[in-house]
Amino acid sequence: MSEKTATALAKLDELLPLLRALPDDPESSTLVETAEALRRAVAAFHMEAIRFRMYSVDRLITKNGHSDCARIFDEVRHALEAAGFHTRSHTAP
């Protein structure tokens, strides 16, 4: 872990227990697995994996309507972008 990723990893560590507490169904399981993969990507500084996993986690959280999870996920995105990571394949509107 570096100083660049410390905040994002802390936010992911805050997000993951909320995701694990969601009702046990296939979509929630996929969301947890994808968020765990995102954490590994952030820890490894893997730019392409970060962008890909950010997209996937964002889509799954948006689809399932978890407002607390969405708020923390936005904080993860902000922390990564402030550290210089590109979390989107295009410029946000």
PDB file of N, CA and C in Angstrom:
ATOM      1  N   MET A   1       0.853  -1.180   0.000  1.00  0.00           N
ATOM      2  CA  MET A   1       0.000   0.000   0.000  1.00  0.00           C
ATOM      3  C   MET A   1       0.889   1.230   0.000  1.00  0.00           C
ATOM      4  N   SER A   2       0.475   2.237  -0.728  1.00  0.00           N
ATOM      5  CA  SER A   2       1.203   3.491  -0.731  1.00  0.00           C
ATOM      6  C   SER A   2       0.298   4.586  -0.199  1.00  0.00           C
ATOM      7  N   GLU A   3       0.870   5.743   0.006  1.00  0.00           N
ATOM      8  CA  GLU A   3       0.075   6.879   0.448  1.00  0.00           C
ATOM      9  C   GLU A   3      -0.986   7.236  -0.585  1.00  0.00           C
ATOM     10  N   LYS A   4      -0.675   7.013  -1.865  1.00  0.00           N
ATOM     11  CA  LYS A   4      -1.631   7.327  -2.936  1.00  0.00           C
ATOM     12  C   LYS A   4      -2.915   6.511  -2.816  1.00  0.00           C
ATOM     13  N   THR A   5      -2.791   5.275  -2.411  1.00  0.00           N
ATOM     14  CA  THR A   5      -3.966   4.400  -2.387  1.00  0.00           C
ATOM     15  C   THR A   5      -4.554   4.196  -0.992  1.00  0.00           C
ATOM     16  N   ALA A   6      -3.925   4.734   0.023  1.00  0.00           N
ATOM     17  CA  ALA A   6      -4.364   4.490   1.401  1.00  0.00           C
ATOM     18  C   ALA A   6      -5.823   4.883   1.628  1.00  0.00           C
ATOM     19  N   THR A   7      -6.218   6.058   1.167  1.00  0.00           N
ATOM     20  CA  THR A   7      -7.596   6.516   1.377  1.00  0.00           C
ATOM     21  C   THR A   7      -8.588   5.634   0.635  1.00  0.00           C
ATOM     22  N   ALA A   8      -8.279   5.308  -0.602  1.00  0.00           N
ATOM     23  CA  ALA A   8      -9.186   4.465  -1.392  1.00  0.00           C
ATOM     24  C   ALA A   8      -9.317   3.081  -0.765  1.00  0.00           C
ATOM     25  N   LEU A   9      -8.210   2.520  -0.306  1.00  0.00           N
ATOM     26  CA  LEU A   9      -8.270   1.201   0.331  1.00  0.00           C
ATOM     27  C   LEU A   9      -9.072   1.255   1.626  1.00  0.00           C
ATOM     28  N   ALA A  10      -8.920   2.325   2.388  1.00  0.00           N
ATOM     29  CA  ALA A  10      -9.702   2.479   3.622  1.00  0.00           C
ATOM     30  C   ALA A  10     -11.192   2.568   3.308  1.00  0.00           C
ATOM     31  N   LYS A  11     -11.543   3.295   2.253  1.00  0.00           N
ATOM     32  CA  LYS A  11     -12.946   3.402   1.859  1.00  0.00           C
ATOM     33  C   LYS A  11     -13.479   2.061   1.354  1.00  0.00           C
ATOM     34  N   LEU A  12     -12.660   1.332   0.617  1.00  0.00           N
ATOM     35  CA  LEU A  12     -13.077  -0.010   0.174  1.00  0.00           C
ATOM     36  C   LEU A  12     -13.265  -0.932   1.375  1.00  0.00           C
ATOM     37  N   ASP A  13     -12.413  -0.792   2.383  1.00  0.00           N
ATOM     38  CA  ASP A  13     -12.570  -1.585   3.602  1.00  0.00           C
ATOM     39  C   ASP A  13     -13.830  -1.205   4.371  1.00  0.00           C
ATOM     40  N   GLU A  14     -14.298   0.002   4.166  1.00  0.00           N
ATOM     41  CA  GLU A  14     -15.569   0.434   4.750  1.00  0.00           C
ATOM     42  C   GLU A  14     -16.739  -0.094   3.927  1.00  0.00           C
ATOM     43  N   LEU A  15     -16.583  -0.145   2.625  1.00  0.00           N
ATOM     44  CA  LEU A  15     -17.639  -0.583   1.719  1.00  0.00           C
ATOM     45  C   LEU A  15     -17.871  -2.091   1.757  1.00  0.00           C
ATOM     46  N   LEU A  16     -16.807  -2.858   1.794  1.00  0.00           N
ATOM     47  CA  LEU A  16     -16.946  -4.318   1.687  1.00  0.00           C
ATOM     48  C   LEU A  16     -17.855  -4.942   2.755  1.00  0.00           C
ATOM     49  N   PRO A  17     -17.765  -4.567   4.034  1.00  0.00           N
ATOM     50  CA  PRO A  17     -18.694  -5.169   5.002  1.00  0.00           C
ATOM     51  C   PRO A  17     -20.164  -4.849   4.705  1.00  0.00           C
ATOM     52  N   LEU A  18     -20.427  -3.653   4.175  1.00  0.00           N
ATOM     53  CA  LEU A  18     -21.804  -3.315   3.793  1.00  0.00           C
ATOM     54  C   LEU A  18     -22.289  -4.212   2.655  1.00  0.00           C
ATOM     55  N   LEU A  19     -21.412  -4.458   1.704  1.00  0.00           N
ATOM     56  CA  LEU A  19     -21.784  -5.322   0.586  1.00  0.00           C
ATOM     57  C   LEU A  19     -21.988  -6.763   1.044  1.00  0.00           C
ATOM     58  N   ARG A  20     -21.132  -7.207   1.941  1.00  0.00           N
ATOM     59  CA  ARG A  20     -21.261  -8.589   2.447  1.00  0.00           C
ATOM     60  C   ARG A  20     -22.528  -8.778   3.265  1.00  0.00           C
ATOM     61  N   ALA A  21     -23.074  -7.690   3.811  1.00  0.00           N
ATOM     62  CA  ALA A  21     -24.292  -7.764   4.625  1.00  0.00           C
ATOM     63  C   ALA A  21     -25.571  -7.733   3.795  1.00  0.00           C
ATOM     64  N   LEU A  22     -25.440  -7.520   2.492  1.00  0.00           N
ATOM     65  CA  LEU A  22     -26.619  -7.509   1.622  1.00  0.00           C
ATOM     66  C   LEU A  22     -27.254  -8.894   1.599  1.00  0.00           C
ATOM     67  N   PRO A  23     -28.542  -8.960   1.273  1.00  0.00           N
ATOM     68  CA  PRO A  23     -29.202 -10.276   1.172  1.00  0.00           C
ATOM     69  C   PRO A  23     -28.418 -11.195   0.228  1.00  0.00           C
ATOM     70  N   ASP A  24     -28.340 -12.437   0.621  1.00  0.00           N
ATOM     71  CA  ASP A  24     -27.563 -13.413  -0.146  1.00  0.00           C
ATOM     72  C   ASP A  24     -28.331 -13.826  -1.401  1.00  0.00           C
ATOM     73  N   ASP A  25     -27.874 -13.311  -2.533  1.00  0.00           N
ATOM     74  CA  ASP A  25     -28.436 -13.695  -3.821  1.00  0.00           C
ATOM     75  C   ASP A  25     -27.314 -13.613  -4.854  1.00  0.00           C
ATOM     76  N   PRO A  26     -27.523 -14.142  -6.040  1.00  0.00           N
ATOM     77  CA  PRO A  26     -26.442 -14.160  -7.039  1.00  0.00           C
ATOM     78  C   PRO A  26     -25.887 -12.778  -7.376  1.00  0.00           C
ATOM     79  N   GLU A  27     -26.746 -11.762  -7.483  1.00  0.00           N
ATOM     80  CA  GLU A  27     -26.264 -10.417  -7.818  1.00  0.00           C
ATOM     81  C   GLU A  27     -25.396  -9.839  -6.704  1.00  0.00           C
ATOM     82  N   SER A  28     -25.809 -10.043  -5.466  1.00  0.00           N
ATOM     83  CA  SER A  28     -25.011  -9.546  -4.334  1.00  0.00           C
ATOM     84  C   SER A  28     -23.677 -10.274  -4.259  1.00  0.00           C
ATOM     85  N   SER A  29     -23.688 -11.557  -4.520  1.00  0.00           N
ATOM     86  CA  SER A  29     -22.437 -12.321  -4.520  1.00  0.00           C
ATOM     87  C   SER A  29     -21.486 -11.804  -5.593  1.00  0.00           C
ATOM     88  N   THR A  30     -22.019 -11.523  -6.768  1.00  0.00           N
ATOM     89  CA  THR A  30     -21.204 -10.973  -7.849  1.00  0.00           C
ATOM     90  C   THR A  30     -20.660  -9.607  -7.461  1.00  0.00           C
ATOM     91  N   LEU A  31     -21.485  -8.793  -6.828  1.00  0.00           N
ATOM     92  CA  LEU A  31     -21.063  -7.466  -6.392  1.00  0.00           C
ATOM     93  C   LEU A  31     -19.917  -7.567  -5.385  1.00  0.00           C
ATOM     94  N   VAL A  32     -20.040  -8.463  -4.412  1.00  0.00           N
ATOM     95  CA  VAL A  32     -18.982  -8.638  -3.413  1.00  0.00           C
ATOM     96  C   VAL A  32     -17.693  -9.117  -4.080  1.00  0.00           C
ATOM     97  N   GLU A  33     -17.793 -10.107  -4.940  1.00  0.00           N
ATOM     98  CA  GLU A  33     -16.606 -10.631  -5.627  1.00  0.00           C
ATOM     99  C   GLU A  33     -15.922  -9.554  -6.464  1.00  0.00           C
ATOM    100  N   THR A  34     -16.715  -8.738  -7.144  1.00  0.00           N
ATOM    101  CA  THR A  34     -16.161  -7.690  -7.992  1.00  0.00           C
ATOM    102  C   THR A  34     -15.525  -6.589  -7.149  1.00  0.00           C
ATOM    103  N   ALA A  35     -16.144  -6.239  -6.041  1.00  0.00           N
ATOM    104  CA  ALA A  35     -15.576  -5.225  -5.149  1.00  0.00           C
ATOM    105  C   ALA A  35     -14.279  -5.725  -4.509  1.00  0.00           C
ATOM    106  N   GLU A  36     -14.222  -7.005  -4.172  1.00  0.00           N
ATOM    107  CA  GLU A  36     -12.983  -7.579  -3.637  1.00  0.00           C
ATOM    108  C   GLU A  36     -11.872  -7.540  -4.695  1.00  0.00           C
ATOM    109  N   ALA A  37     -12.243  -7.814  -5.948  1.00  0.00           N
ATOM    110  CA  ALA A  37     -11.272  -7.739  -7.041  1.00  0.00           C
ATOM    111  C   ALA A  37     -10.801  -6.299  -7.245  1.00  0.00           C
ATOM    112  N   LEU A  38     -11.706  -5.340  -7.067  1.00  0.00           N
ATOM    113  CA  LEU A  38     -11.327  -3.932  -7.152  1.00  0.00           C
ATOM    114  C   LEU A  38     -10.316  -3.590  -6.066  1.00  0.00           C
ATOM    115  N   ARG A  39     -10.543  -4.085  -4.864  1.00  0.00           N
ATOM    116  CA  ARG A  39      -9.596  -3.802  -3.778  1.00  0.00           C
ATOM    117  C   ARG A  39      -8.212  -4.354  -4.116  1.00  0.00           C
ATOM    118  N   ARG A  40      -8.185  -5.564  -4.645  1.00  0.00           N
ATOM    119  CA  ARG A  40      -6.892  -6.152  -5.038  1.00  0.00           C
ATOM    120  C   ARG A  40      -6.231  -5.322  -6.144  1.00  0.00           C
ATOM    121  N   ALA A  41      -7.015  -4.838  -7.092  1.00  0.00           N
ATOM    122  CA  ALA A  41      -6.472  -4.021  -8.184  1.00  0.00           C
ATOM    123  C   ALA A  41      -5.890  -2.712  -7.658  1.00  0.00           C
ATOM    124  N   VAL A  42      -6.590  -2.092  -6.723  1.00  0.00           N
ATOM    125  CA  VAL A  42      -6.094  -0.841  -6.138  1.00  0.00           C
ATOM    126  C   VAL A  42      -4.799  -1.106  -5.381  1.00  0.00           C
ATOM    127  N   ALA A  43      -4.768  -2.174  -4.604  1.00  0.00           N
ATOM    128  CA  ALA A  43      -3.568  -2.504  -3.836  1.00  0.00           C
ATOM    129  C   ALA A  43      -2.375  -2.792  -4.749  1.00  0.00           C
ATOM    130  N   ALA A  44      -2.658  -3.311  -5.947  1.00  0.00           N
ATOM    131  CA  ALA A  44      -1.598  -3.668  -6.891  1.00  0.00           C
ATOM    132  C   ALA A  44      -1.278  -2.546  -7.891  1.00  0.00           C
ATOM    133  N   PHE A  45      -1.966  -1.401  -7.800  1.00  0.00           N
ATOM    134  CA  PHE A  45      -1.783  -0.286  -8.748  1.00  0.00           C
ATOM    135  C   PHE A  45      -2.063  -0.716 -10.179  1.00  0.00           C
ATOM    136  N   HIS A  46      -2.976  -1.591 -10.407  1.00  0.00           N
ATOM    137  CA  HIS A  46      -3.257  -2.098 -11.756  1.00  0.00           C
ATOM    138  C   HIS A  46      -4.308  -1.203 -12.409  1.00  0.00           C
ATOM    139  N   MET A  47      -3.839  -0.255 -13.215  1.00  0.00           N
ATOM    140  CA  MET A  47      -4.704   0.782 -13.780  1.00  0.00           C
ATOM    141  C   MET A  47      -5.886   0.240 -14.581  1.00  0.00           C
ATOM    142  N   GLU A  48      -5.632  -0.676 -15.487  1.00  0.00           N
ATOM    143  CA  GLU A  48      -6.725  -1.209 -16.311  1.00  0.00           C
ATOM    144  C   GLU A  48      -7.739  -1.951 -15.460  1.00  0.00           C
ATOM    145  N   ALA A  49      -7.258  -2.723 -14.502  1.00  0.00           N
ATOM    146  CA  ALA A  49      -8.164  -3.472 -13.633  1.00  0.00           C
ATOM    147  C   ALA A  49      -8.983  -2.522 -12.762  1.00  0.00           C
ATOM    148  N   ILE A  50      -8.360  -1.453 -12.295  1.00  0.00           N
ATOM    149  CA  ILE A  50      -9.098  -0.471 -11.493  1.00  0.00           C
ATOM    150  C   ILE A  50     -10.245   0.097 -12.309  1.00  0.00           C
ATOM    151  N   ARG A  51      -9.954   0.558 -13.512  1.00  0.00           N
ATOM    152  CA  ARG A  51     -10.991   1.165 -14.349  1.00  0.00           C
ATOM    153  C   ARG A  51     -12.096   0.157 -14.660  1.00  0.00           C
ATOM    154  N   PHE A  52     -11.723  -1.062 -15.018  1.00  0.00           N
ATOM    155  CA  PHE A  52     -12.709  -2.096 -15.344  1.00  0.00           C
ATOM    156  C   PHE A  52     -13.571  -2.441 -14.130  1.00  0.00           C
ATOM    157  N   ARG A  53     -12.924  -2.660 -12.988  1.00  0.00           N
ATOM    158  CA  ARG A  53     -13.673  -3.030 -11.775  1.00  0.00           C
ATOM    159  C   ARG A  53     -14.521  -1.868 -11.262  1.00  0.00           C
ATOM    160  N   MET A  54     -14.032  -0.640 -11.397  1.00  0.00           N
ATOM    161  CA  MET A  54     -14.835   0.512 -10.982  1.00  0.00           C
ATOM    162  C   MET A  54     -16.128   0.554 -11.785  1.00  0.00           C
ATOM    163  N   TYR A  55     -16.016   0.341 -13.083  1.00  0.00           N
ATOM    164  CA  TYR A  55     -17.202   0.331 -13.933  1.00  0.00           C
ATOM    165  C   TYR A  55     -18.177  -0.765 -13.474  1.00  0.00           C
ATOM    166  N   SER A  56     -17.650  -1.944 -13.233  1.00  0.00           N
ATOM    167  CA  SER A  56     -18.504  -3.076 -12.872  1.00  0.00           C
ATOM    168  C   SER A  56     -19.178  -2.870 -11.520  1.00  0.00           C
ATOM    169  N   VAL A  57     -18.420  -2.431 -10.530  1.00  0.00           N
ATOM    170  CA  VAL A  57     -18.997  -2.212  -9.201  1.00  0.00           C
ATOM    171  C   VAL A  57     -20.032  -1.090  -9.271  1.00  0.00           C
ATOM    172  N   ASP A  58     -19.726  -0.015  -9.975  1.00  0.00           N
ATOM    173  CA  ASP A  58     -20.665   1.092 -10.120  1.00  0.00           C
ATOM    174  C   ASP A  58     -21.973   0.614 -10.741  1.00  0.00           C
ATOM    175  N   ARG A  59     -21.865  -0.148 -11.802  1.00  0.00           N
ATOM    176  CA  ARG A  59     -23.058  -0.666 -12.486  1.00  0.00           C
ATOM    177  C   ARG A  59     -23.887  -1.547 -11.549  1.00  0.00           C
ATOM    178  N   LEU A  60     -23.236  -2.431 -10.795  1.00  0.00           N
ATOM    179  CA  LEU A  60     -23.960  -3.336  -9.906  1.00  0.00           C
ATOM    180  C   LEU A  60     -24.601  -2.590  -8.732  1.00  0.00           C
ATOM    181  N   ILE A  61     -23.894  -1.610  -8.180  1.00  0.00           N
ATOM    182  CA  ILE A  61     -24.478  -0.833  -7.081  1.00  0.00           C
ATOM    183  C   ILE A  61     -25.658  -0.012  -7.597  1.00  0.00           C
ATOM    184  N   THR A  62     -25.508   0.603  -8.753  1.00  0.00           N
ATOM    185  CA  THR A  62     -26.594   1.402  -9.331  1.00  0.00           C
ATOM    186  C   THR A  62     -27.805   0.520  -9.638  1.00  0.00           C
ATOM    187  N   LYS A  63     -27.565  -0.638 -10.182  1.00  0.00           N
ATOM    188  CA  LYS A  63     -28.644  -1.563 -10.548  1.00  0.00           C
ATOM    189  C   LYS A  63     -29.431  -2.022  -9.324  1.00  0.00           C
ATOM    190  N   ASN A  64     -28.717  -2.236  -8.223  1.00  0.00           N
ATOM    191  CA  ASN A  64     -29.362  -2.781  -7.032  1.00  0.00           C
ATOM    192  C   ASN A  64     -29.825  -1.709  -6.053  1.00  0.00           C
ATOM    193  N   GLY A  65     -29.503  -0.432  -6.319  1.00  0.00           N
ATOM    194  CA  GLY A  65     -30.044   0.673  -5.547  1.00  0.00           C
ATOM    195  C   GLY A  65     -29.626   0.732  -4.092  1.00  0.00           C
ATOM    196  N   HIS A  66     -28.377   0.517  -3.787  1.00  0.00           N
ATOM    197  CA  HIS A  66     -27.889   0.571  -2.416  1.00  0.00           C
ATOM    198  C   HIS A  66     -27.303   1.959  -2.153  1.00  0.00           C
ATOM    199  N   SER A  67     -28.079   2.832  -1.502  1.00  0.00           N
ATOM    200  CA  SER A  67     -27.664   4.234  -1.372  1.00  0.00           C
ATOM    201  C   SER A  67     -26.422   4.415  -0.495  1.00  0.00           C
ATOM    202  N   ASP A  68     -26.334   3.727   0.646  1.00  0.00           N
ATOM    203  CA  ASP A  68     -25.127   3.863   1.480  1.00  0.00           C
ATOM    204  C   ASP A  68     -23.902   3.345   0.742  1.00  0.00           C
ATOM    205  N   CYS A  69     -24.070   2.241   0.053  1.00  0.00           N
ATOM    206  CA  CYS A  69     -22.962   1.676  -0.729  1.00  0.00           C
ATOM    207  C   CYS A  69     -22.563   2.632  -1.847  1.00  0.00           C
ATOM    208  N   ALA A  70     -23.536   3.239  -2.488  1.00  0.00           N
ATOM    209  CA  ALA A  70     -23.250   4.179  -3.579  1.00  0.00           C
ATOM    210  C   ALA A  70     -22.484   5.387  -3.060  1.00  0.00           C
ATOM    211  N   ARG A  71     -22.855   5.883  -1.898  1.00  0.00           N
ATOM    212  CA  ARG A  71     -22.175   7.040  -1.319  1.00  0.00           C
ATOM    213  C   ARG A  71     -20.710   6.718  -1.028  1.00  0.00           C
ATOM    214  N   ILE A  72     -20.458   5.586  -0.411  1.00  0.00           N
ATOM    215  CA  ILE A  72     -19.078   5.199  -0.096  1.00  0.00           C
ATOM    216  C   ILE A  72     -18.307   4.914  -1.379  1.00  0.00           C
ATOM    217  N   PHE A  73     -18.964   4.290  -2.354  1.00  0.00           N
ATOM    218  CA  PHE A  73     -18.300   4.021  -3.625  1.00  0.00           C
ATOM    219  C   PHE A  73     -17.883   5.325  -4.298  1.00  0.00           C
ATOM    220  N   ASP A  74     -18.729   6.341  -4.228  1.00  0.00           N
ATOM    221  CA  ASP A  74     -18.362   7.652  -4.777  1.00  0.00           C
ATOM    222  C   ASP A  74     -17.132   8.216  -4.070  1.00  0.00           C
ATOM    223  N   GLU A  75     -17.014   7.951  -2.762  1.00  0.00           N
ATOM    224  CA  GLU A  75     -15.836   8.388  -2.016  1.00  0.00           C
ATOM    225  C   GLU A  75     -14.591   7.623  -2.467  1.00  0.00           C
ATOM    226  N   VAL A  76     -14.754   6.347  -2.795  1.00  0.00           N
ATOM    227  CA  VAL A  76     -13.642   5.559  -3.339  1.00  0.00           C
ATOM    228  C   VAL A  76     -13.196   6.174  -4.665  1.00  0.00           C
ATOM    229  N   ARG A  77     -14.152   6.451  -5.538  1.00  0.00           N
ATOM    230  CA  ARG A  77     -13.845   7.047  -6.842  1.00  0.00           C
ATOM    231  C   ARG A  77     -13.108   8.376  -6.661  1.00  0.00           C
ATOM    232  N   HIS A  78     -13.610   9.216  -5.778  1.00  0.00           N
ATOM    233  CA  HIS A  78     -12.980  10.515  -5.541  1.00  0.00           C
ATOM    234  C   HIS A  78     -11.546  10.344  -5.037  1.00  0.00           C
ATOM    235  N   ALA A  79     -11.340   9.412  -4.104  1.00  0.00           N
ATOM    236  CA  ALA A  79      -9.994   9.181  -3.563  1.00  0.00           C
ATOM    237  C   ALA A  79      -9.035   8.701  -4.650  1.00  0.00           C
ATOM    238  N   LEU A  80      -9.498   7.814  -5.516  1.00  0.00           N
ATOM    239  CA  LEU A  80      -8.641   7.311  -6.591  1.00  0.00           C
ATOM    240  C   LEU A  80      -8.333   8.410  -7.608  1.00  0.00           C
ATOM    241  N   GLU A  81      -9.338   9.189  -7.969  1.00  0.00           N
ATOM    242  CA  GLU A  81      -9.115  10.260  -8.938  1.00  0.00           C
ATOM    243  C   GLU A  81      -8.204  11.342  -8.358  1.00  0.00           C
ATOM    244  N   ALA A  82      -8.337  11.643  -7.072  1.00  0.00           N
ATOM    245  CA  ALA A  82      -7.464  12.621  -6.423  1.00  0.00           C
ATOM    246  C   ALA A  82      -6.016  12.120  -6.392  1.00  0.00           C
ATOM    247  N   ALA A  83      -5.850  10.799  -6.365  1.00  0.00           N
ATOM    248  CA  ALA A  83      -4.507  10.200  -6.365  1.00  0.00           C
ATOM    249  C   ALA A  83      -3.943  10.064  -7.773  1.00  0.00           C
ATOM    250  N   GLY A  84      -4.723  10.437  -8.784  1.00  0.00           N
ATOM    251  CA  GLY A  84      -4.238  10.401 -10.156  1.00  0.00           C
ATOM    252  C   GLY A  84      -4.631   9.176 -10.957  1.00  0.00           C
ATOM    253  N   PHE A  85      -5.488   8.327 -10.403  1.00  0.00           N
ATOM    254  CA  PHE A  85      -5.944   7.144 -11.128  1.00  0.00           C
ATOM    255  C   PHE A  85      -7.132   7.515 -12.010  1.00  0.00           C
ATOM    256  N   HIS A  86      -7.181   6.956 -13.196  1.00  0.00           N
ATOM    257  CA  HIS A  86      -8.322   7.157 -14.087  1.00  0.00           C
ATOM    258  C   HIS A  86      -9.321   6.054 -13.789  1.00  0.00           C
ATOM    259  N   THR A  87     -10.523   6.442 -13.352  1.00  0.00           N
ATOM    260  CA  THR A  87     -11.518   5.445 -12.964  1.00  0.00           C
ATOM    261  C   THR A  87     -12.614   5.277 -13.997  1.00  0.00           C
ATOM    262  N   ARG A  88     -12.520   6.045 -15.070  1.00  0.00           N
ATOM    263  CA  ARG A  88     -13.528   5.962 -16.127  1.00  0.00           C
ATOM    264  C   ARG A  88     -12.811   5.888 -17.465  1.00  0.00           C
ATOM    265  N   SER A  89     -13.446   5.238 -18.414  1.00  0.00           N
ATOM    266  CA  SER A  89     -12.835   5.148 -19.743  1.00  0.00           C
ATOM    267  C   SER A  89     -13.140   6.388 -20.571  1.00  0.00           C
ATOM    268  N   HIS A  90     -13.967   7.273 -20.039  1.00  0.00           N
ATOM    269  CA  HIS A  90     -14.308   8.521 -20.719  1.00  0.00           C
ATOM    270  C   HIS A  90     -14.478   9.615 -19.655  1.00  0.00           C
ATOM    271  N   THR A  91     -14.563  10.822 -20.086  1.00  0.00           N
ATOM    272  CA  THR A  91     -14.760  11.930 -19.163  1.00  0.00           C
ATOM    273  C   THR A  91     -16.198  11.933 -18.666  1.00  0.00           C
ATOM    274  N   ALA A  92     -16.353  12.112 -17.382  1.00  0.00           N
ATOM    275  CA  ALA A  92     -17.697  12.150 -16.797  1.00  0.00           C
ATOM    276  C   ALA A  92     -18.462  13.359 -17.316  1.00  0.00           C
ATOM    277  N   PRO A  93     -19.781  13.228 -17.435  1.00  0.00           N
ATOM    278  CA  PRO A  93     -20.575  14.359 -17.927  1.00  0.00           C
ATOM    279  C   PRO A  93     -20.564  15.511 -16.949  1.00  0.00           C
TER     280      PRO A  93
END
